[in-house]
Amino acid sequence: MLNTIVFFDGQHLYRSAKDAWRPLPAVGPSNYSWPSYDVEKLADTLVSRDSQRILKQIRFYTGVPDNNSNPLWHGFWTNKLRYLKSRGVETYRGYINPAGHEKGVDVRIAIDLVQLTYEQEYDVAMIISQDWDFGPAVRLCKEIASDQGRQLIFESCFPVGPGRTSTRGIPGTNWVQIDQATYDACFDPRDYR
């Protein structure tokens, strides 16, 4: 069996799904105008596509804005992280600066990817992102695994739909497209506000 760890870039998944499937023109709220995905269901769904894989761990990373600058999203992400942690998901809380840029998340994902490779914690890494900044980390992980006499599988998983212009994943990975039906089947009805 192949031990699999799923690494979620929470903001990237939210924005990608919103871009891919939100009705155009935007006519109000939809299930894609907020982070409506169930982390555990989506991880289980993606891992179970290959019967040789077992889900060893879920890791969820996201930036959280300051409460003073954006109380709604601060509360949402804080509560979602608290819930995920209570379910055994490893979480990382970065921050979103006043300009709206996420800080610390990509670096933490890359560090964890490399560290867990070194510790031989997984055979398959599923990264829920298309961020090309992870390419060098994937390359380093492959070198470490080769030195250990192991061959790892890396997958870049991301939503694809009419609103997404890029269907390219992280360099050095297999690309796994998340279609709208799969995403919708992993809907999270909880209100984290």
C-alpha atoms as a PDB file:
ATOM      1  CA  MET A   1       0.000   0.000   0.000  1.00  0.00           C
ATOM      2  CA  LEU A   2       1.114   3.553  -0.728  1.00  0.00           C
ATOM      3  CA  ASN A   3       0.980   5.967   2.201  1.00  0.00           C
ATOM      4  CA  THR A   4      -0.517   9.201   0.917  1.00  0.00           C
ATOM      5  CA  ILE A   5      -0.416  12.681   2.413  1.00  0.00           C
ATOM      6  CA  VAL A   6      -2.696  15.381   1.024  1.00  0.00           C
ATOM      7  CA  PHE A   7      -1.367  18.949   1.281  1.00  0.00           C
ATOM      8  CA  PHE A   8      -4.141  21.558   0.909  1.00  0.00           C
ATOM      9  CA  ASP A   9      -3.340  25.129  -0.098  1.00  0.00           C
ATOM     10  CA  GLY A  10      -6.698  26.325   1.232  1.00  0.00           C
ATOM     11  CA  GLN A  11      -6.800  29.783  -0.349  1.00  0.00           C
ATOM     12  CA  HIS A  12      -5.622  28.454  -3.716  1.00  0.00           C
ATOM     13  CA  LEU A  13      -8.362  25.813  -3.786  1.00  0.00           C
ATOM     14  CA  TYR A  14     -11.012  28.367  -2.820  1.00  0.00           C
ATOM     15  CA  ARG A  15      -9.973  30.877  -5.491  1.00  0.00           C
ATOM     16  CA  SER A  16      -9.509  28.226  -8.182  1.00  0.00           C
ATOM     17  CA  ALA A  17     -12.973  26.744  -7.606  1.00  0.00           C
ATOM     18  CA  LYS A  18     -14.498  30.212  -7.554  1.00  0.00           C
ATOM     19  CA  ASP A  19     -12.825  31.071 -10.878  1.00  0.00           C
ATOM     20  CA  ALA A  20     -13.684  27.722 -12.451  1.00  0.00           C
ATOM     21  CA  TRP A  21     -17.399  27.462 -11.700  1.00  0.00           C
ATOM     22  CA  ARG A  22     -18.915  30.683 -10.443  1.00  0.00           C
ATOM     23  CA  PRO A  23     -21.701  31.712 -12.814  1.00  0.00           C
ATOM     24  CA  LEU A  24     -20.767  34.509 -15.180  1.00  0.00           C
ATOM     25  CA  PRO A  25     -21.794  37.170 -14.951  1.00  0.00           C
ATOM     26  CA  ALA A  26     -21.666  36.832 -11.181  1.00  0.00           C
ATOM     27  CA  VAL A  27     -25.296  37.096 -10.101  1.00  0.00           C
ATOM     28  CA  GLY A  28     -24.899  36.848  -6.369  1.00  0.00           C
ATOM     29  CA  PRO A  29     -23.748  34.163  -3.992  1.00  0.00           C
ATOM     30  CA  SER A  30     -23.065  30.635  -5.152  1.00  0.00           C
ATOM     31  CA  ASN A  31     -21.455  27.586  -3.557  1.00  0.00           C
ATOM     32  CA  TYR A  32     -18.212  28.803  -5.135  1.00  0.00           C
ATOM     33  CA  SER A  33     -18.231  32.323  -3.682  1.00  0.00           C
ATOM     34  CA  TRP A  34     -16.976  30.994  -0.346  1.00  0.00           C
ATOM     35  CA  PRO A  35     -14.665  28.070   0.630  1.00  0.00           C
ATOM     36  CA  SER A  36     -17.417  25.448   0.474  1.00  0.00           C
ATOM     37  CA  TYR A  37     -15.246  22.339   0.251  1.00  0.00           C
ATOM     38  CA  ASP A  38     -15.067  19.593   2.866  1.00  0.00           C
ATOM     39  CA  VAL A  39     -11.355  18.954   3.340  1.00  0.00           C
ATOM     40  CA  GLU A  40     -11.748  15.384   4.602  1.00  0.00           C
ATOM     41  CA  LYS A  41     -14.247  14.332   1.923  1.00  0.00           C
ATOM     42  CA  LEU A  42     -12.133  15.783  -0.876  1.00  0.00           C
ATOM     43  CA  ALA A  43      -8.954  14.135   0.442  1.00  0.00           C
ATOM     44  CA  ASP A  44     -10.745  10.776   0.764  1.00  0.00           C
ATOM     45  CA  THR A  45     -12.209  11.109  -2.732  1.00  0.00           C
ATOM     46  CA  LEU A  46      -8.882  11.932  -4.376  1.00  0.00           C
ATOM     47  CA  VAL A  47      -6.919   9.241  -2.541  1.00  0.00           C
ATOM     48  CA  SER A  48      -9.540   6.536  -3.130  1.00  0.00           C
ATOM     49  CA  ARG A  49      -9.226   6.907  -6.914  1.00  0.00           C
ATOM     50  CA  ASP A  50      -6.267   4.515  -6.651  1.00  0.00           C
ATOM     51  CA  SER A  51      -6.930   1.335  -4.654  1.00  0.00           C
ATOM     52  CA  GLN A  52      -3.214   1.009  -3.831  1.00  0.00           C
ATOM     53  CA  ARG A  53      -3.270   4.219  -1.778  1.00  0.00           C
ATOM     54  CA  ILE A  54      -4.191   4.782   1.842  1.00  0.00           C
ATOM     55  CA  LEU A  55      -4.747   8.210   3.341  1.00  0.00           C
ATOM     56  CA  LYS A  56      -2.089   8.639   5.995  1.00  0.00           C
ATOM     57  CA  GLN A  57      -2.546  12.324   6.754  1.00  0.00           C
ATOM     58  CA  ILE A  58      -4.294  15.525   5.712  1.00  0.00           C
ATOM     59  CA  ARG A  59      -2.435  18.815   6.047  1.00  0.00           C
ATOM     60  CA  PHE A  60      -4.301  22.105   5.581  1.00  0.00           C
ATOM     61  CA  TYR A  61      -2.592  25.469   5.128  1.00  0.00           C
ATOM     62  CA  THR A  62      -4.214  28.880   4.781  1.00  0.00           C
ATOM     63  CA  GLY A  63      -3.647  32.544   5.380  1.00  0.00           C
ATOM     64  CA  VAL A  64      -5.972  34.317   7.803  1.00  0.00           C
ATOM     65  CA  PRO A  65      -6.545  38.075   7.673  1.00  0.00           C
ATOM     66  CA  ASP A  66      -6.284  40.194  10.797  1.00  0.00           C
ATOM     67  CA  ASN A  67      -9.552  40.490  12.726  1.00  0.00           C
ATOM     68  CA  ASN A  68      -9.434  44.302  12.556  1.00  0.00           C
ATOM     69  CA  SER A  69      -9.019  44.422   8.778  1.00  0.00           C
ATOM     70  CA  ASN A  70     -11.503  41.673   7.858  1.00  0.00           C
ATOM     71  CA  PRO A  71     -13.538  40.237  10.745  1.00  0.00           C
ATOM     72  CA  LEU A  72     -15.745  38.038   8.511  1.00  0.00           C
ATOM     73  CA  TRP A  73     -12.900  36.099   6.868  1.00  0.00           C
ATOM     74  CA  HIS A  74     -10.828  36.128  10.053  1.00  0.00           C
ATOM     75  CA  GLY A  75     -13.685  34.396  11.877  1.00  0.00           C
ATOM     76  CA  PHE A  76     -14.397  31.994   9.021  1.00  0.00           C
ATOM     77  CA  TRP A  77     -10.820  30.741   8.624  1.00  0.00           C
ATOM     78  CA  THR A  78     -10.122  30.699  12.372  1.00  0.00           C
ATOM     79  CA  ASN A  79     -13.194  28.537  12.988  1.00  0.00           C
ATOM     80  CA  LYS A  80     -12.514  26.260  10.005  1.00  0.00           C
ATOM     81  CA  LEU A  81      -8.938  25.698  11.212  1.00  0.00           C
ATOM     82  CA  ARG A  82     -10.172  24.972  14.737  1.00  0.00           C
ATOM     83  CA  TYR A  83     -12.701  22.454  13.388  1.00  0.00           C
ATOM     84  CA  LEU A  84     -10.139  20.725  11.151  1.00  0.00           C
ATOM     85  CA  LYS A  85      -7.655  20.470  14.001  1.00  0.00           C
ATOM     86  CA  SER A  86     -10.351  18.863  16.188  1.00  0.00           C
ATOM     87  CA  ARG A  87     -10.765  16.235  13.428  1.00  0.00           C
ATOM     88  CA  GLY A  88      -7.061  15.338  13.421  1.00  0.00           C
ATOM     89  CA  VAL A  89      -6.060  17.404  10.399  1.00  0.00           C
ATOM     90  CA  GLU A  90      -2.621  19.019  10.659  1.00  0.00           C
ATOM     91  CA  THR A  91      -3.160  22.761  10.188  1.00  0.00           C
ATOM     92  CA  TYR A  92      -0.964  25.758   9.499  1.00  0.00           C
ATOM     93  CA  ARG A  93      -2.124  29.331   9.883  1.00  0.00           C
ATOM     94  CA  GLY A  94      -0.319  31.933   7.815  1.00  0.00           C
ATOM     95  CA  TYR A  95      -1.535  35.477   7.490  1.00  0.00           C
ATOM     96  CA  ILE A  96      -2.929  37.785   4.840  1.00  0.00           C
ATOM     97  CA  ASN A  97      -1.336  41.213   4.780  1.00  0.00           C
ATOM     98  CA  PRO A  98      -3.336  44.448   4.369  1.00  0.00           C
ATOM     99  CA  ALA A  99      -2.762  44.322   0.586  1.00  0.00           C
ATOM    100  CA  GLY A 100      -4.532  40.936   0.492  1.00  0.00           C
ATOM    101  CA  HIS A 101      -1.434  38.795  -0.125  1.00  0.00           C
ATOM    102  CA  GLU A 102      -1.042  35.504   1.692  1.00  0.00           C
ATOM    103  CA  LYS A 103       2.239  35.178   3.593  1.00  0.00           C
ATOM    104  CA  GLY A 104       4.057  32.153   4.980  1.00  0.00           C
ATOM    105  CA  VAL A 105       1.815  29.450   3.543  1.00  0.00           C
ATOM    106  CA  ASP A 106       3.754  28.398   0.428  1.00  0.00           C
ATOM    107  CA  VAL A 107       7.042  28.331   2.334  1.00  0.00           C
ATOM    108  CA  ARG A 108       5.502  26.156   5.069  1.00  0.00           C
ATOM    109  CA  ILE A 109       4.051  23.707   2.537  1.00  0.00           C
ATOM    110  CA  ALA A 110       7.441  23.421   0.804  1.00  0.00           C
ATOM    111  CA  ILE A 111       9.284  22.911   4.110  1.00  0.00           C
ATOM    112  CA  ASP A 112       6.825  20.243   5.249  1.00  0.00           C
ATOM    113  CA  LEU A 113       6.986  18.487   1.875  1.00  0.00           C
ATOM    114  CA  VAL A 114      10.788  18.264   2.113  1.00  0.00           C
ATOM    115  CA  GLN A 115      10.889  17.359   5.820  1.00  0.00           C
ATOM    116  CA  LEU A 116       8.298  14.598   5.444  1.00  0.00           C
ATOM    117  CA  THR A 117      10.229  13.232   2.454  1.00  0.00           C
ATOM    118  CA  TYR A 118      13.404  13.131   4.534  1.00  0.00           C
ATOM    119  CA  GLU A 119      11.496  11.368   7.348  1.00  0.00           C
ATOM    120  CA  GLN A 120      10.067   8.841   4.823  1.00  0.00           C
ATOM    121  CA  GLU A 121       6.503   9.615   5.901  1.00  0.00           C
ATOM    122  CA  TYR A 122       4.828   9.131   2.522  1.00  0.00           C
ATOM    123  CA  ASP A 123       4.939   7.400  -0.837  1.00  0.00           C
ATOM    124  CA  VAL A 124       2.488   9.774  -2.526  1.00  0.00           C
ATOM    125  CA  ALA A 125       2.162  13.530  -2.008  1.00  0.00           C
ATOM    126  CA  MET A 126      -1.016  15.088  -3.366  1.00  0.00           C
ATOM    127  CA  ILE A 127      -0.644  18.871  -3.409  1.00  0.00           C
ATOM    128  CA  ILE A 128      -3.938  20.718  -3.842  1.00  0.00           C
ATOM    129  CA  SER A 129      -2.484  23.637  -5.767  1.00  0.00           C
ATOM    130  CA  GLN A 130      -1.095  24.691  -9.135  1.00  0.00           C
ATOM    131  CA  ASP A 131       1.506  27.035  -7.676  1.00  0.00           C
ATOM    132  CA  TRP A 132       4.714  26.688  -9.656  1.00  0.00           C
ATOM    133  CA  ASP A 133       6.685  27.869  -6.611  1.00  0.00           C
ATOM    134  CA  PHE A 134       6.419  24.274  -5.358  1.00  0.00           C
ATOM    135  CA  GLY A 135       8.378  22.945  -8.355  1.00  0.00           C
ATOM    136  CA  PRO A 136      11.836  23.318  -6.737  1.00  0.00           C
ATOM    137  CA  ALA A 137      10.609  21.631  -3.527  1.00  0.00           C
ATOM    138  CA  VAL A 138       9.241  18.696  -5.539  1.00  0.00           C
ATOM    139  CA  ARG A 139      12.556  18.409  -7.384  1.00  0.00           C
ATOM    140  CA  LEU A 140      14.475  18.387  -4.061  1.00  0.00           C
ATOM    141  CA  CYS A 141      12.090  15.775  -2.623  1.00  0.00           C
ATOM    142  CA  LYS A 142      12.758  13.516  -5.608  1.00  0.00           C
ATOM    143  CA  GLU A 143      16.521  13.860  -5.061  1.00  0.00           C
ATOM    144  CA  ILE A 144      16.191  13.033  -1.352  1.00  0.00           C
ATOM    145  CA  ALA A 145      14.000  10.017  -2.112  1.00  0.00           C
ATOM    146  CA  SER A 146      16.460   8.804  -4.750  1.00  0.00           C
ATOM    147  CA  ASP A 147      19.296   9.016  -2.206  1.00  0.00           C
ATOM    148  CA  GLN A 148      17.097   6.929   0.123  1.00  0.00           C
ATOM    149  CA  GLY A 149      16.501   4.349  -2.602  1.00  0.00           C
ATOM    150  CA  ARG A 150      12.836   5.287  -2.931  1.00  0.00           C
ATOM    151  CA  GLN A 151      10.658   6.582  -5.731  1.00  0.00           C
ATOM    152  CA  LEU A 152       7.821   8.890  -4.754  1.00  0.00           C
ATOM    153  CA  ILE A 153       4.711  10.025  -6.603  1.00  0.00           C
ATOM    154  CA  PHE A 154       3.812  13.718  -6.648  1.00  0.00           C
ATOM    155  CA  GLU A 155       0.463  15.001  -7.865  1.00  0.00           C
ATOM    156  CA  SER A 156      -0.800  18.531  -8.365  1.00  0.00           C
ATOM    157  CA  CYS A 157      -4.599  18.543  -7.936  1.00  0.00           C
ATOM    158  CA  PHE A 158      -6.710  21.524  -8.980  1.00  0.00           C
ATOM    159  CA  PRO A 159     -10.189  22.569 -10.142  1.00  0.00           C
ATOM    160  CA  VAL A 160     -10.795  22.853 -13.870  1.00  0.00           C
ATOM    161  CA  GLY A 161     -13.841  24.460 -15.422  1.00  0.00           C
ATOM    162  CA  PRO A 162     -14.985  27.083 -17.902  1.00  0.00           C
ATOM    163  CA  GLY A 163     -13.608  29.987 -15.859  1.00  0.00           C
ATOM    164  CA  ARG A 164     -10.075  28.581 -15.435  1.00  0.00           C
ATOM    165  CA  THR A 165      -7.550  29.502 -18.080  1.00  0.00           C
ATOM    166  CA  SER A 166      -4.691  27.397 -16.718  1.00  0.00           C
ATOM    167  CA  THR A 167      -4.826  23.621 -16.762  1.00  0.00           C
ATOM    168  CA  ARG A 168      -1.153  23.255 -15.846  1.00  0.00           C
ATOM    169  CA  GLY A 169      -0.079  21.864 -12.515  1.00  0.00           C
ATOM    170  CA  ILE A 170       3.097  22.089 -10.485  1.00  0.00           C
ATOM    171  CA  PRO A 171       6.246  21.231 -12.480  1.00  0.00           C
ATOM    172  CA  GLY A 172       7.557  17.730 -11.808  1.00  0.00           C
ATOM    173  CA  THR A 173       4.154  16.371 -10.753  1.00  0.00           C
ATOM    174  CA  ASN A 174       1.331  14.425 -12.344  1.00  0.00           C
ATOM    175  CA  TRP A 175      -1.626  16.734 -12.905  1.00  0.00           C
ATOM    176  CA  VAL A 176      -4.990  15.704 -11.485  1.00  0.00           C
ATOM    177  CA  GLN A 177      -7.981  17.768 -12.511  1.00  0.00           C
ATOM    178  CA  ILE A 178     -10.817  18.181 -10.032  1.00  0.00           C
ATOM    179  CA  ASP A 179     -14.072  18.450 -11.958  1.00  0.00           C
ATOM    180  CA  GLN A 180     -17.157  20.269 -10.754  1.00  0.00           C
ATOM    181  CA  ALA A 181     -19.078  17.077  -9.907  1.00  0.00           C
ATOM    182  CA  THR A 182     -16.245  15.852  -7.664  1.00  0.00           C
ATOM    183  CA  TYR A 183     -15.966  19.207  -5.921  1.00  0.00           C
ATOM    184  CA  ASP A 184     -19.744  19.464  -5.454  1.00  0.00           C
ATOM    185  CA  ALA A 185     -19.859  15.948  -3.955  1.00  0.00           C
ATOM    186  CA  CYS A 186     -17.430  17.219  -1.301  1.00  0.00           C
ATOM    187  CA  PHE A 187     -19.579  20.188  -0.252  1.00  0.00           C
ATOM    188  CA  ASP A 188     -19.224  21.329   3.362  1.00  0.00           C
ATOM    189  CA  PRO A 189     -22.543  22.686   4.706  1.00  0.00           C
ATOM    190  CA  ARG A 190     -20.999  24.038   7.926  1.00  0.00           C
ATOM    191  CA  ASP A 191     -21.110  27.799   8.493  1.00  0.00           C
ATOM    192  CA  TYR A 192     -17.752  28.726  10.019  1.00  0.00           C
ATOM    193  CA  ARG A 193     -18.516  32.433  10.453  1.00  0.00           C
END
